[in-house]
Amino acid sequence: MLLPALVLLIIGLALFWVNTRRKHHIQGLSSGIQQLVAVLPVILAAFILAGMLEALIPEEFVHQWLAREAGLKGVLLGTLGGMLLAMGPYASFPIIASIYGAGAGMGTTVSLITGWTLLSLSKTPYEVGFLGPRFALLRMGLSVPFCVAAGAVAHTLENLFF
């Protein structure tokens, strides 16, 4: 986590310098602080939830259903879990990280993230409302194989190289 934080810090300082020259740095800081205040409760709750999930998930369940040894079973469960994970990135990634930290395999974790990205049911009402049920079903039907394939490739690479 240190490297991404350093990269973001460098980019932030560069943008601050550019905004200082244009006399927009106070506006930029104010906007950033407002966004932080708005999402901080969600981030805190997500980290607490992630920690509780990591402590709650039994090791036997992880090894049987989510770990590298679970194989395709873990990939399919990850895809389904991603579909059901109806939260934004501030909440989803800490939860996914806690599942990975509890011992989930790469295939399960990749399919979980891919399922959350492509299949999340939280977007379905909007998609059906704006684009119609036929479109939503077709998109979801086409997305499932991508989630499973991404998880299967990650599982294979994990077994070959890690």
C-alpha atoms as a PDB file:
ATOM      1  CA  MET A   1       0.000   0.000   0.000  1.00  0.00           C
ATOM      2  CA  LEU A   2       2.988   2.310   0.398  1.00  0.00           C
ATOM      3  CA  LEU A   3       3.805   2.505  -3.329  1.00  0.00           C
ATOM      4  CA  PRO A   4       0.274   3.503  -4.448  1.00  0.00           C
ATOM      5  CA  ALA A   5       0.156   6.085  -1.656  1.00  0.00           C
ATOM      6  CA  LEU A   6       3.481   7.557  -2.788  1.00  0.00           C
ATOM      7  CA  VAL A   7       2.375   7.677  -6.416  1.00  0.00           C
ATOM      8  CA  LEU A   8      -0.885   9.417  -5.458  1.00  0.00           C
ATOM      9  CA  LEU A   9       1.042  11.844  -3.241  1.00  0.00           C
ATOM     10  CA  ILE A  10       3.411  12.775  -6.077  1.00  0.00           C
ATOM     11  CA  ILE A  11       0.519  13.249  -8.510  1.00  0.00           C
ATOM     12  CA  GLY A  12      -1.362  15.289  -5.894  1.00  0.00           C
ATOM     13  CA  LEU A  13       1.643  17.538  -5.262  1.00  0.00           C
ATOM     14  CA  ALA A  14       2.138  18.058  -8.990  1.00  0.00           C
ATOM     15  CA  LEU A  15      -1.528  19.014  -9.416  1.00  0.00           C
ATOM     16  CA  PHE A  16      -1.311  21.292  -6.392  1.00  0.00           C
ATOM     17  CA  TRP A  17       1.694  23.042  -7.957  1.00  0.00           C
ATOM     18  CA  VAL A  18      -0.172  23.451 -11.284  1.00  0.00           C
ATOM     19  CA  ASN A  19      -3.248  24.783  -9.473  1.00  0.00           C
ATOM     20  CA  THR A  20      -1.119  27.146  -7.381  1.00  0.00           C
ATOM     21  CA  ARG A  21       0.220  28.732 -10.554  1.00  0.00           C
ATOM     22  CA  ARG A  22      -3.357  29.140 -11.827  1.00  0.00           C
ATOM     23  CA  LYS A  23      -4.594  30.376  -8.410  1.00  0.00           C
ATOM     24  CA  HIS A  24      -7.033  27.451  -8.061  1.00  0.00           C
ATOM     25  CA  HIS A  25      -5.298  25.551  -5.253  1.00  0.00           C
ATOM     26  CA  ILE A  26      -7.720  26.662  -2.488  1.00  0.00           C
ATOM     27  CA  GLN A  27     -10.693  25.570  -4.594  1.00  0.00           C
ATOM     28  CA  GLY A  28      -8.999  22.209  -5.257  1.00  0.00           C
ATOM     29  CA  LEU A  29      -8.211  21.621  -1.577  1.00  0.00           C
ATOM     30  CA  SER A  30     -11.751  22.597  -0.573  1.00  0.00           C
ATOM     31  CA  SER A  31     -13.278  20.224  -3.122  1.00  0.00           C
ATOM     32  CA  GLY A  32     -11.013  17.379  -2.044  1.00  0.00           C
ATOM     33  CA  ILE A  33     -11.831  17.865   1.638  1.00  0.00           C
ATOM     34  CA  GLN A  34     -15.573  17.935   0.875  1.00  0.00           C
ATOM     35  CA  GLN A  35     -15.254  14.629  -1.007  1.00  0.00           C
ATOM     36  CA  LEU A  36     -13.259  13.107   1.859  1.00  0.00           C
ATOM     37  CA  VAL A  37     -15.875  14.144   4.420  1.00  0.00           C
ATOM     38  CA  ALA A  38     -18.636  12.682   2.226  1.00  0.00           C
ATOM     39  CA  VAL A  39     -17.027   9.241   1.755  1.00  0.00           C
ATOM     40  CA  LEU A  40     -15.148   8.844   5.050  1.00  0.00           C
ATOM     41  CA  PRO A  41     -18.090   7.257   6.941  1.00  0.00           C
ATOM     42  CA  VAL A  42     -18.540   4.712   4.136  1.00  0.00           C
ATOM     43  CA  ILE A  43     -14.820   3.897   4.071  1.00  0.00           C
ATOM     44  CA  LEU A  44     -14.665   3.469   7.853  1.00  0.00           C
ATOM     45  CA  ALA A  45     -17.741   1.240   7.873  1.00  0.00           C
ATOM     46  CA  ALA A  46     -16.339  -0.817   4.984  1.00  0.00           C
ATOM     47  CA  PHE A  47     -13.036  -1.422   6.769  1.00  0.00           C
ATOM     48  CA  ILE A  48     -14.823  -2.447   9.960  1.00  0.00           C
ATOM     49  CA  LEU A  49     -17.095  -4.757   7.944  1.00  0.00           C
ATOM     50  CA  ALA A  50     -14.091  -6.200   6.099  1.00  0.00           C
ATOM     51  CA  GLY A  51     -12.276  -6.928   9.348  1.00  0.00           C
ATOM     52  CA  MET A  52     -15.349  -8.575  10.833  1.00  0.00           C
ATOM     53  CA  LEU A  53     -15.823 -10.702   7.710  1.00  0.00           C
ATOM     54  CA  GLU A  54     -12.200 -11.835   7.780  1.00  0.00           C
ATOM     55  CA  ALA A  55     -12.567 -12.874  11.417  1.00  0.00           C
ATOM     56  CA  LEU A  56     -15.977 -14.466  10.810  1.00  0.00           C
ATOM     57  CA  ILE A  57     -15.145 -16.639   7.787  1.00  0.00           C
ATOM     58  CA  PRO A  58     -14.066 -20.073   9.061  1.00  0.00           C
ATOM     59  CA  GLU A  59     -10.719 -21.341   7.743  1.00  0.00           C
ATOM     60  CA  GLU A  60     -12.337 -24.622   6.715  1.00  0.00           C
ATOM     61  CA  PHE A  61     -14.839 -22.745   4.518  1.00  0.00           C
ATOM     62  CA  VAL A  62     -12.051 -20.741   2.887  1.00  0.00           C
ATOM     63  CA  HIS A  63      -9.963 -23.841   2.149  1.00  0.00           C
ATOM     64  CA  GLN A  64     -12.899 -25.854   0.842  1.00  0.00           C
ATOM     65  CA  TRP A  65     -14.739 -23.170  -1.149  1.00  0.00           C
ATOM     66  CA  LEU A  66     -12.459 -20.189  -1.831  1.00  0.00           C
ATOM     67  CA  ALA A  67      -8.795 -21.216  -1.716  1.00  0.00           C
ATOM     68  CA  ARG A  68      -6.591 -22.285  -4.603  1.00  0.00           C
ATOM     69  CA  GLU A  69      -7.586 -25.889  -3.928  1.00  0.00           C
ATOM     70  CA  ALA A  70     -11.257 -25.069  -4.578  1.00  0.00           C
ATOM     71  CA  GLY A  71     -10.514 -24.657  -8.298  1.00  0.00           C
ATOM     72  CA  LEU A  72     -13.527 -24.048 -10.529  1.00  0.00           C
ATOM     73  CA  LYS A  73     -15.838 -24.187  -7.506  1.00  0.00           C
ATOM     74  CA  GLY A  74     -14.081 -21.111  -6.073  1.00  0.00           C
ATOM     75  CA  VAL A  75     -14.163 -19.319  -9.420  1.00  0.00           C
ATOM     76  CA  LEU A  76     -17.917 -19.883  -9.773  1.00  0.00           C
ATOM     77  CA  LEU A  77     -18.530 -18.835  -6.175  1.00  0.00           C
ATOM     78  CA  GLY A  78     -16.408 -15.721  -6.732  1.00  0.00           C
ATOM     79  CA  THR A  79     -18.443 -14.815  -9.808  1.00  0.00           C
ATOM     80  CA  LEU A  80     -21.695 -15.233  -7.894  1.00  0.00           C
ATOM     81  CA  GLY A  81     -20.350 -13.320  -4.907  1.00  0.00           C
ATOM     82  CA  GLY A  82     -19.235 -10.467  -7.139  1.00  0.00           C
ATOM     83  CA  MET A  83     -22.684 -10.322  -8.688  1.00  0.00           C
ATOM     84  CA  LEU A  84     -24.257 -10.028  -5.231  1.00  0.00           C
ATOM     85  CA  LEU A  85     -21.750  -7.483  -3.910  1.00  0.00           C
ATOM     86  CA  ALA A  86     -23.921  -4.406  -4.454  1.00  0.00           C
ATOM     87  CA  MET A  87     -21.605  -1.688  -3.163  1.00  0.00           C
ATOM     88  CA  GLY A  88     -19.300   0.931  -4.564  1.00  0.00           C
ATOM     89  CA  PRO A  89     -15.517   0.563  -4.722  1.00  0.00           C
ATOM     90  CA  TYR A  90     -14.955   2.195  -1.318  1.00  0.00           C
ATOM     91  CA  ALA A  91     -16.864  -0.624   0.332  1.00  0.00           C
ATOM     92  CA  SER A  92     -16.228  -3.497  -2.093  1.00  0.00           C
ATOM     93  CA  PHE A  93     -12.439  -3.460  -2.243  1.00  0.00           C
ATOM     94  CA  PRO A  94     -11.868  -3.666   1.527  1.00  0.00           C
ATOM     95  CA  ILE A  95     -14.312  -6.598   1.648  1.00  0.00           C
ATOM     96  CA  ILE A  96     -12.654  -8.315  -1.315  1.00  0.00           C
ATOM     97  CA  ALA A  97      -9.236  -7.702   0.270  1.00  0.00           C
ATOM     98  CA  SER A  98     -10.382  -9.301   3.524  1.00  0.00           C
ATOM     99  CA  ILE A  99     -11.652 -12.367   1.665  1.00  0.00           C
ATOM    100  CA  TYR A 100      -8.327 -12.580  -0.183  1.00  0.00           C
ATOM    101  CA  GLY A 101      -6.470 -12.075   3.105  1.00  0.00           C
ATOM    102  CA  ALA A 102      -8.471 -14.901   4.676  1.00  0.00           C
ATOM    103  CA  GLY A 103      -6.959 -17.264   2.096  1.00  0.00           C
ATOM    104  CA  ALA A 104      -9.056 -17.045  -1.064  1.00  0.00           C
ATOM    105  CA  GLY A 105      -7.192 -18.052  -4.202  1.00  0.00           C
ATOM    106  CA  MET A 106      -6.291 -15.757  -7.070  1.00  0.00           C
ATOM    107  CA  GLY A 107      -8.914 -17.328  -9.322  1.00  0.00           C
ATOM    108  CA  THR A 108     -11.658 -16.759  -6.775  1.00  0.00           C
ATOM    109  CA  THR A 109     -10.517 -13.210  -6.095  1.00  0.00           C
ATOM    110  CA  VAL A 110     -10.213 -12.267  -9.773  1.00  0.00           C
ATOM    111  CA  SER A 111     -13.641 -13.727 -10.543  1.00  0.00           C
ATOM    112  CA  LEU A 112     -15.041 -11.875  -7.513  1.00  0.00           C
ATOM    113  CA  ILE A 113     -13.719  -8.530  -8.775  1.00  0.00           C
ATOM    114  CA  THR A 114     -14.736  -9.279 -12.360  1.00  0.00           C
ATOM    115  CA  GLY A 115     -18.210 -10.387 -11.256  1.00  0.00           C
ATOM    116  CA  TRP A 116     -18.601  -7.236  -9.181  1.00  0.00           C
ATOM    117  CA  THR A 117     -17.512  -5.103 -12.128  1.00  0.00           C
ATOM    118  CA  LEU A 118     -19.539  -6.772 -14.870  1.00  0.00           C
ATOM    119  CA  LEU A 119     -22.491  -8.380 -13.105  1.00  0.00           C
ATOM    120  CA  SER A 120     -23.295  -6.313 -10.017  1.00  0.00           C
ATOM    121  CA  LEU A 121     -27.027  -6.540  -9.430  1.00  0.00           C
ATOM    122  CA  SER A 122     -27.086  -3.021  -8.004  1.00  0.00           C
ATOM    123  CA  LYS A 123     -26.916  -1.646 -11.552  1.00  0.00           C
ATOM    124  CA  THR A 124     -29.609  -3.917 -12.967  1.00  0.00           C
ATOM    125  CA  PRO A 125     -32.675  -1.780 -12.137  1.00  0.00           C
ATOM    126  CA  TYR A 126     -31.118   1.190 -13.955  1.00  0.00           C
ATOM    127  CA  GLU A 127     -30.052  -0.926 -16.873  1.00  0.00           C
ATOM    128  CA  VAL A 128     -33.507  -2.481 -17.235  1.00  0.00           C
ATOM    129  CA  GLY A 129     -35.161   0.918 -16.850  1.00  0.00           C
ATOM    130  CA  PHE A 130     -33.038   2.665 -19.458  1.00  0.00           C
ATOM    131  CA  LEU A 131     -32.094  -0.122 -21.862  1.00  0.00           C
ATOM    132  CA  GLY A 132     -34.755  -2.756 -21.311  1.00  0.00           C
ATOM    133  CA  PRO A 133     -34.809  -6.276 -19.839  1.00  0.00           C
ATOM    134  CA  ARG A 134     -33.725  -7.948 -23.097  1.00  0.00           C
ATOM    135  CA  PHE A 135     -30.529  -5.902 -23.162  1.00  0.00           C
ATOM    136  CA  ALA A 136     -29.823  -6.522 -19.465  1.00  0.00           C
ATOM    137  CA  LEU A 137     -30.247 -10.293 -19.811  1.00  0.00           C
ATOM    138  CA  LEU A 138     -28.089 -10.423 -22.929  1.00  0.00           C
ATOM    139  CA  ARG A 139     -25.321  -8.364 -21.307  1.00  0.00           C
ATOM    140  CA  MET A 140     -25.366 -10.472 -18.154  1.00  0.00           C
ATOM    141  CA  GLY A 141     -25.406 -13.695 -20.171  1.00  0.00           C
ATOM    142  CA  LEU A 142     -22.378 -12.533 -22.133  1.00  0.00           C
ATOM    143  CA  SER A 143     -20.572 -11.289 -19.017  1.00  0.00           C
ATOM    144  CA  VAL A 144     -20.739 -14.531 -17.014  1.00  0.00           C
ATOM    145  CA  PRO A 145     -18.295 -16.397 -19.303  1.00  0.00           C
ATOM    146  CA  PHE A 146     -15.834 -13.489 -19.055  1.00  0.00           C
ATOM    147  CA  CYS A 147     -15.929 -13.620 -15.247  1.00  0.00           C
ATOM    148  CA  VAL A 148     -15.433 -17.379 -15.188  1.00  0.00           C
ATOM    149  CA  ALA A 149     -12.689 -17.205 -17.836  1.00  0.00           C
ATOM    150  CA  ALA A 150     -10.819 -14.449 -15.987  1.00  0.00           C
ATOM    151  CA  GLY A 151     -10.984 -16.438 -12.749  1.00  0.00           C
ATOM    152  CA  ALA A 152      -9.918 -19.669 -14.509  1.00  0.00           C
ATOM    153  CA  VAL A 153      -6.921 -17.948 -16.130  1.00  0.00           C
ATOM    154  CA  ALA A 154      -5.895 -16.422 -12.775  1.00  0.00           C
ATOM    155  CA  HIS A 155      -6.278 -19.835 -11.101  1.00  0.00           C
ATOM    156  CA  THR A 156      -4.134 -21.475 -13.794  1.00  0.00           C
ATOM    157  CA  LEU A 157      -1.430 -18.797 -13.531  1.00  0.00           C
ATOM    158  CA  GLU A 158      -1.440 -19.088  -9.751  1.00  0.00           C
ATOM    159  CA  ASN A 159      -0.879 -22.833 -10.007  1.00  0.00           C
ATOM    160  CA  LEU A 160       1.851 -22.470 -12.620  1.00  0.00           C
ATOM    161  CA  PHE A 161       3.876 -19.595 -11.188  1.00  0.00           C
ATOM    162  CA  PHE A 162       3.020 -19.072  -7.544  1.00  0.00           C
END
